[in-house]
C-alpha atoms as a PDB file:
ATOM      1  CA  MET A   1      72.074  83.032  82.908  1.00  0.00           C
ATOM      2  CA  GLY A   2      72.070  83.954  86.618  1.00  0.00           C
ATOM      3  CA  LYS A   3      75.102  84.251  88.823  1.00  0.00           C
ATOM      4  CA  THR A   4      78.416  83.099  87.415  1.00  0.00           C
ATOM      5  CA  ILE A   5      81.922  82.499  88.709  1.00  0.00           C
ATOM      6  CA  VAL A   6      85.205  82.701  86.827  1.00  0.00           C
ATOM      7  CA  VAL A   7      87.488  79.774  87.684  1.00  0.00           C
ATOM      8  CA  LYS A   8      91.190  79.536  86.791  1.00  0.00           C
ATOM      9  CA  GLN A   9      93.310  76.401  86.861  1.00  0.00           C
ATOM     10  CA  ILE A  10      96.438  77.032  88.946  1.00  0.00           C
ATOM     11  CA  GLY A  11      97.740  73.484  89.421  1.00  0.00           C
ATOM     12  CA  SER A  12      98.780  70.649  87.170  1.00  0.00           C
ATOM     13  CA  PRO A  13      96.826  67.383  87.086  1.00  0.00           C
ATOM     14  CA  ILE A  14     100.056  65.416  86.621  1.00  0.00           C
ATOM     15  CA  ARG A  15     100.538  62.844  89.427  1.00  0.00           C
ATOM     16  CA  ARG A  16      97.068  63.545  90.848  1.00  0.00           C
ATOM     17  CA  PRO A  17      94.386  60.921  91.522  1.00  0.00           C
ATOM     18  CA  GLU A  18      92.041  60.095  88.654  1.00  0.00           C
ATOM     19  CA  LYS A  19      89.042  61.609  90.492  1.00  0.00           C
ATOM     20  CA  GLN A  20      90.777  65.000  90.655  1.00  0.00           C
ATOM     21  CA  ARG A  21      91.644  64.886  86.934  1.00  0.00           C
ATOM     22  CA  LYS A  22      88.053  64.032  86.032  1.00  0.00           C
ATOM     23  CA  THR A  23      86.785  66.864  88.225  1.00  0.00           C
ATOM     24  CA  LEU A  24      89.001  69.309  86.304  1.00  0.00           C
ATOM     25  CA  ILE A  25      87.672  67.980  83.007  1.00  0.00           C
ATOM     26  CA  GLY A  26      84.118  68.259  84.367  1.00  0.00           C
ATOM     27  CA  LEU A  27      84.772  71.948  85.024  1.00  0.00           C
ATOM     28  CA  GLY A  28      86.056  72.347  81.466  1.00  0.00           C
ATOM     29  CA  LEU A  29      89.682  72.849  82.488  1.00  0.00           C
ATOM     30  CA  ASN A  30      92.648  70.835  81.266  1.00  0.00           C
ATOM     31  CA  LYS A  31      95.600  73.197  80.800  1.00  0.00           C
ATOM     32  CA  MET A  32      97.463  75.437  83.216  1.00  0.00           C
ATOM     33  CA  HIS A  33      96.225  79.039  83.585  1.00  0.00           C
ATOM     34  CA  LYS A  34      93.057  78.378  81.573  1.00  0.00           C
ATOM     35  CA  THR A  35      89.922  80.186  82.764  1.00  0.00           C
ATOM     36  CA  ARG A  36      86.238  79.333  82.457  1.00  0.00           C
ATOM     37  CA  GLU A  37      83.085  81.226  83.291  1.00  0.00           C
ATOM     38  CA  LEU A  38      80.672  78.785  84.924  1.00  0.00           C
ATOM     39  CA  GLU A  39      77.166  79.052  86.323  1.00  0.00           C
ATOM     40  CA  ASP A  40      77.236  79.418  90.115  1.00  0.00           C
ATOM     41  CA  THR A  41      75.394  76.284  91.249  1.00  0.00           C
ATOM     42  CA  PRO A  42      75.893  74.059  94.298  1.00  0.00           C
ATOM     43  CA  SER A  43      77.310  71.297  92.086  1.00  0.00           C
ATOM     44  CA  THR A  44      79.884  73.649  90.523  1.00  0.00           C
ATOM     45  CA  ARG A  45      80.871  75.000  93.937  1.00  0.00           C
ATOM     46  CA  GLY A  46      81.217  71.424  95.216  1.00  0.00           C
ATOM     47  CA  MET A  47      83.540  70.519  92.355  1.00  0.00           C
ATOM     48  CA  VAL A  48      85.666  73.608  93.003  1.00  0.00           C
ATOM     49  CA  ASN A  49      85.791  72.823  96.743  1.00  0.00           C
ATOM     50  CA  LYS A  50      87.009  69.278  96.021  1.00  0.00           C
ATOM     51  CA  ILE A  51      90.149  70.570  94.278  1.00  0.00           C
ATOM     52  CA  PRO A  52      91.052  73.928  95.891  1.00  0.00           C
ATOM     53  CA  HIS A  53      94.763  73.214  95.339  1.00  0.00           C
ATOM     54  CA  LEU A  54      94.218  73.032  91.557  1.00  0.00           C
ATOM     55  CA  VAL A  55      91.715  75.837  90.891  1.00  0.00           C
ATOM     56  CA  LYS A  56      91.036  79.362  92.089  1.00  0.00           C
ATOM     57  CA  ILE A  57      87.860  81.452  91.880  1.00  0.00           C
ATOM     58  CA  ILE A  58      88.949  84.681  90.180  1.00  0.00           C
ATOM     59  CA  GLU A  59      85.661  86.593  90.412  1.00  0.00           C
ATOM     60  CA  GLU A  60      81.973  86.230  91.089  1.00  0.00           C
ATOM     61  CA  ARG A  61      79.498  87.953  88.790  1.00  0.00           C
ATOM     62  CA  GLY A  62      75.848  88.345  89.080  1.00  0.00           C
END
């Protein structure tokens, strides 16, 4: 695995549009304060940039 980023969910998907909920699920997040280590690809970065109010990049490794 190359570069990775650690993403943490900081916002609730309650009362959010369906697209934002599905983006969270696509990142592997569904509960508050859950973290995931994901491969640093343009598609992952794009998903994170679509919902900056719901997720936060904790650290970048690589």
